[in-house]
Amino acid sequence: MKRARPLRPAFALTNPDIAESQQLSSDFLFEGFGCAGGNVGPTLEWSGAPEGTKSFAVTLNDPDAPTGSGRRHCFALNVISLP
């Protein structure tokens, strides 16, 4: 009989600043190129990252960007320590 592998917590990325299907606060909008925002990055919180994780790459599709096809935003985050 095979031994069951211990369950790992599922990886989760959450953001307390953004609600699903809700418009972002202007605090998170870019300030420039005709946009008037606060230039504040949203808070990202994660849990259940695989052991040894040192960084994350996050992409966001912004379908409402005024480009005709949306805009992709990319972030690279170095992790100093994980909870």
N, C-alpha and C. Protein backbone atom coordinates (compact mmCIF):
# COMPACT_ATOMS: atom_id res chain seq x y z
N MET A 1 0.84 -1.17 0.00
CA MET A 1 0.00 0.00 0.00
C MET A 1 0.89 1.25 0.00
N LYS A 2 0.60 2.18 -0.90
CA LYS A 2 1.37 3.42 -0.98
C LYS A 2 0.97 4.36 0.15
N ARG A 3 1.94 5.07 0.65
CA ARG A 3 1.65 6.08 1.66
C ARG A 3 1.10 7.32 0.99
N ALA A 4 0.11 7.89 1.61
CA ALA A 4 -0.46 9.14 1.08
C ALA A 4 0.53 10.28 1.32
N ARG A 5 0.70 11.11 0.32
CA ARG A 5 1.56 12.28 0.48
C ARG A 5 0.84 13.32 1.32
N PRO A 6 1.57 14.01 2.19
CA PRO A 6 0.90 15.04 2.99
C PRO A 6 0.35 16.14 2.09
N LEU A 7 -0.81 16.62 2.43
CA LEU A 7 -1.43 17.68 1.64
C LEU A 7 -0.73 19.00 1.92
N ARG A 8 -0.45 19.71 0.86
CA ARG A 8 0.11 21.06 0.98
C ARG A 8 -1.04 22.04 0.86
N PRO A 9 -0.93 23.17 1.56
CA PRO A 9 -1.96 24.18 1.36
C PRO A 9 -1.91 24.67 -0.09
N ALA A 10 -3.04 24.94 -0.65
CA ALA A 10 -3.10 25.44 -2.03
C ALA A 10 -2.52 26.85 -2.08
N PHE A 11 -1.81 27.13 -3.15
CA PHE A 11 -1.27 28.48 -3.33
C PHE A 11 -2.42 29.45 -3.56
N ALA A 12 -2.38 30.58 -2.89
CA ALA A 12 -3.42 31.60 -3.06
C ALA A 12 -2.78 32.98 -3.13
N LEU A 13 -3.22 33.77 -4.06
CA LEU A 13 -2.81 35.17 -4.18
C LEU A 13 -4.07 36.00 -4.00
N THR A 14 -4.04 36.88 -3.03
CA THR A 14 -5.21 37.71 -2.76
C THR A 14 -4.82 39.17 -2.71
N ASN A 15 -5.84 40.01 -2.77
CA ASN A 15 -5.63 41.45 -2.72
C ASN A 15 -6.80 42.08 -1.98
N PRO A 16 -6.55 42.69 -0.82
CA PRO A 16 -7.63 43.30 -0.07
C PRO A 16 -8.12 44.62 -0.67
N ASP A 17 -7.39 45.15 -1.66
CA ASP A 17 -7.72 46.44 -2.26
C ASP A 17 -8.66 46.34 -3.45
N ILE A 18 -8.80 45.16 -4.02
CA ILE A 18 -9.55 44.99 -5.26
C ILE A 18 -10.68 44.00 -5.04
N ALA A 19 -11.89 44.39 -5.39
CA ALA A 19 -13.05 43.50 -5.30
C ALA A 19 -13.45 43.06 -6.71
N GLU A 20 -13.78 41.80 -6.84
CA GLU A 20 -14.17 41.26 -8.14
C GLU A 20 -15.34 42.04 -8.72
N SER A 21 -15.24 42.35 -10.00
CA SER A 21 -16.27 43.06 -10.77
C SER A 21 -16.51 44.49 -10.29
N GLN A 22 -15.57 45.04 -9.54
CA GLN A 22 -15.68 46.43 -9.08
C GLN A 22 -14.58 47.26 -9.72
N GLN A 23 -14.87 48.51 -9.98
CA GLN A 23 -13.88 49.41 -10.55
C GLN A 23 -12.82 49.73 -9.51
N LEU A 24 -11.58 49.81 -9.96
CA LEU A 24 -10.47 50.16 -9.06
C LEU A 24 -10.60 51.59 -8.58
N SER A 25 -10.12 51.82 -7.38
CA SER A 25 -10.03 53.17 -6.85
C SER A 25 -9.04 53.96 -7.70
N SER A 26 -9.24 55.25 -7.84
CA SER A 26 -8.30 56.08 -8.61
C SER A 26 -6.92 56.11 -7.97
N ASP A 27 -6.80 55.69 -6.72
CA ASP A 27 -5.48 55.60 -6.08
C ASP A 27 -4.55 54.70 -6.87
N PHE A 28 -5.10 53.67 -7.53
CA PHE A 28 -4.30 52.68 -8.24
C PHE A 28 -4.07 53.03 -9.71
N LEU A 29 -4.59 54.15 -10.15
CA LEU A 29 -4.40 54.55 -11.55
C LEU A 29 -3.06 55.25 -11.74
N PHE A 30 -2.56 55.14 -12.94
CA PHE A 30 -1.31 55.80 -13.30
C PHE A 30 -1.51 57.31 -13.32
N GLU A 31 -0.50 58.04 -12.93
CA GLU A 31 -0.51 59.50 -13.00
C GLU A 31 0.39 59.89 -14.16
N GLY A 32 -0.20 60.20 -15.29
CA GLY A 32 0.57 60.58 -16.47
C GLY A 32 -0.15 60.15 -17.73
N PHE A 33 0.32 60.64 -18.88
CA PHE A 33 -0.27 60.31 -20.17
C PHE A 33 -1.77 60.54 -20.19
N GLY A 34 -2.22 61.60 -19.53
CA GLY A 34 -3.64 61.93 -19.53
C GLY A 34 -4.44 61.24 -18.44
N CYS A 35 -3.80 60.41 -17.63
CA CYS A 35 -4.49 59.73 -16.53
C CYS A 35 -4.20 60.47 -15.23
N ALA A 36 -5.18 60.53 -14.36
CA ALA A 36 -5.01 61.22 -13.09
C ALA A 36 -5.27 60.23 -11.96
N GLY A 37 -4.20 59.64 -11.44
CA GLY A 37 -4.34 58.67 -10.37
C GLY A 37 -3.30 58.86 -9.30
N GLY A 38 -3.31 57.98 -8.33
CA GLY A 38 -2.41 58.08 -7.20
C GLY A 38 -1.10 57.33 -7.35
N ASN A 39 -0.95 56.54 -8.44
CA ASN A 39 0.28 55.78 -8.67
C ASN A 39 0.61 54.82 -7.52
N VAL A 40 -0.39 54.29 -6.86
CA VAL A 40 -0.18 53.37 -5.74
C VAL A 40 -0.34 51.94 -6.24
N GLY A 41 0.60 51.09 -5.92
CA GLY A 41 0.49 49.68 -6.28
C GLY A 41 -0.43 48.96 -5.32
N PRO A 42 -1.28 48.06 -5.79
CA PRO A 42 -2.17 47.31 -4.90
C PRO A 42 -1.37 46.35 -4.02
N THR A 43 -1.90 46.07 -2.86
CA THR A 43 -1.28 45.12 -1.93
C THR A 43 -1.50 43.70 -2.44
N LEU A 44 -0.45 42.92 -2.47
CA LEU A 44 -0.56 41.51 -2.84
C LEU A 44 -0.22 40.67 -1.62
N GLU A 45 -1.06 39.69 -1.33
CA GLU A 45 -0.82 38.78 -0.22
C GLU A 45 -0.88 37.36 -0.74
N TRP A 46 0.06 36.53 -0.34
CA TRP A 46 0.06 35.16 -0.81
C TRP A 46 0.27 34.20 0.35
N SER A 47 -0.19 32.97 0.12
CA SER A 47 -0.01 31.90 1.09
C SER A 47 0.11 30.59 0.33
N GLY A 48 0.72 29.60 0.97
CA GLY A 48 0.84 28.28 0.36
C GLY A 48 1.85 28.20 -0.76
N ALA A 49 2.83 29.12 -0.79
CA ALA A 49 3.84 29.06 -1.85
C ALA A 49 4.68 27.80 -1.67
N PRO A 50 5.09 27.18 -2.77
CA PRO A 50 5.92 25.98 -2.67
C PRO A 50 7.23 26.28 -1.93
N GLU A 51 7.72 25.31 -1.20
CA GLU A 51 8.97 25.46 -0.46
C GLU A 51 10.09 25.86 -1.41
N GLY A 52 10.91 26.80 -1.00
CA GLY A 52 12.02 27.26 -1.80
C GLY A 52 11.69 28.42 -2.74
N THR A 53 10.44 28.87 -2.74
CA THR A 53 10.05 29.98 -3.61
C THR A 53 10.84 31.23 -3.24
N LYS A 54 11.43 31.88 -4.23
CA LYS A 54 12.21 33.09 -3.98
C LYS A 54 11.65 34.31 -4.67
N SER A 55 10.81 34.10 -5.67
CA SER A 55 10.23 35.24 -6.37
C SER A 55 8.94 34.81 -7.07
N PHE A 56 8.17 35.80 -7.47
CA PHE A 56 6.93 35.58 -8.21
C PHE A 56 6.92 36.46 -9.44
N ALA A 57 6.26 36.02 -10.48
CA ALA A 57 5.97 36.85 -11.65
C ALA A 57 4.46 36.89 -11.76
N VAL A 58 3.91 38.08 -11.84
CA VAL A 58 2.46 38.27 -11.87
C VAL A 58 2.11 39.02 -13.14
N THR A 59 1.11 38.53 -13.86
CA THR A 59 0.60 39.26 -15.03
C THR A 59 -0.87 39.60 -14.79
N LEU A 60 -1.27 40.71 -15.35
CA LEU A 60 -2.64 41.17 -15.20
C LEU A 60 -3.12 41.64 -16.57
N ASN A 61 -4.26 41.14 -16.99
CA ASN A 61 -4.85 41.60 -18.24
C ASN A 61 -5.86 42.70 -17.91
N ASP A 62 -5.70 43.84 -18.53
CA ASP A 62 -6.58 44.99 -18.32
C ASP A 62 -7.41 45.18 -19.58
N PRO A 63 -8.56 44.50 -19.70
CA PRO A 63 -9.33 44.55 -20.94
C PRO A 63 -9.95 45.91 -21.22
N ASP A 64 -10.03 46.78 -20.21
CA ASP A 64 -10.65 48.09 -20.39
C ASP A 64 -9.66 49.19 -20.78
N ALA A 65 -8.38 48.85 -20.89
CA ALA A 65 -7.39 49.86 -21.28
C ALA A 65 -7.75 50.41 -22.66
N PRO A 66 -7.57 51.71 -22.85
CA PRO A 66 -8.01 52.34 -24.11
C PRO A 66 -7.05 52.07 -25.28
N THR A 67 -6.79 50.80 -25.56
CA THR A 67 -5.90 50.46 -26.66
C THR A 67 -6.60 49.68 -27.76
N GLY A 68 -7.85 49.32 -27.54
CA GLY A 68 -8.57 48.51 -28.51
C GLY A 68 -8.50 47.03 -28.20
N SER A 69 -7.37 46.59 -27.62
CA SER A 69 -7.23 45.17 -27.28
C SER A 69 -6.86 44.96 -25.81
N GLY A 70 -6.91 46.01 -25.03
CA GLY A 70 -6.53 45.89 -23.62
C GLY A 70 -5.04 46.08 -23.45
N ARG A 71 -4.59 45.80 -22.26
CA ARG A 71 -3.17 45.95 -21.97
C ARG A 71 -2.78 44.91 -20.93
N ARG A 72 -1.59 44.34 -21.09
CA ARG A 72 -1.05 43.40 -20.11
C ARG A 72 -0.05 44.14 -19.23
N HIS A 73 -0.16 43.93 -17.94
CA HIS A 73 0.77 44.49 -16.98
C HIS A 73 1.54 43.33 -16.38
N CYS A 74 2.83 43.48 -16.19
CA CYS A 74 3.66 42.42 -15.64
C CYS A 74 4.44 42.95 -14.44
N PHE A 75 4.57 42.11 -13.44
CA PHE A 75 5.29 42.47 -12.22
C PHE A 75 6.23 41.32 -11.88
N ALA A 76 7.40 41.64 -11.40
CA ALA A 76 8.33 40.64 -10.85
C ALA A 76 8.58 41.03 -9.41
N LEU A 77 8.37 40.10 -8.49
CA LEU A 77 8.50 40.38 -7.06
C LEU A 77 9.55 39.47 -6.46
N ASN A 78 10.55 40.05 -5.84
CA ASN A 78 11.53 39.26 -5.09
C ASN A 78 11.01 39.09 -3.68
N VAL A 79 11.12 37.90 -3.17
CA VAL A 79 10.59 37.58 -1.86
C VAL A 79 11.75 37.52 -0.87
N ILE A 80 11.67 38.32 0.17
CA ILE A 80 12.70 38.29 1.20
C ILE A 80 12.40 37.16 2.18
N SER A 81 11.17 37.06 2.60
CA SER A 81 10.77 35.94 3.45
C SER A 81 9.30 35.67 3.24
N LEU A 82 8.93 34.43 3.39
CA LEU A 82 7.54 34.04 3.26
C LEU A 82 6.97 33.77 4.65
N PRO A 83 5.69 34.09 4.84
CA PRO A 83 5.10 33.81 6.16
C PRO A 83 5.02 32.33 6.47
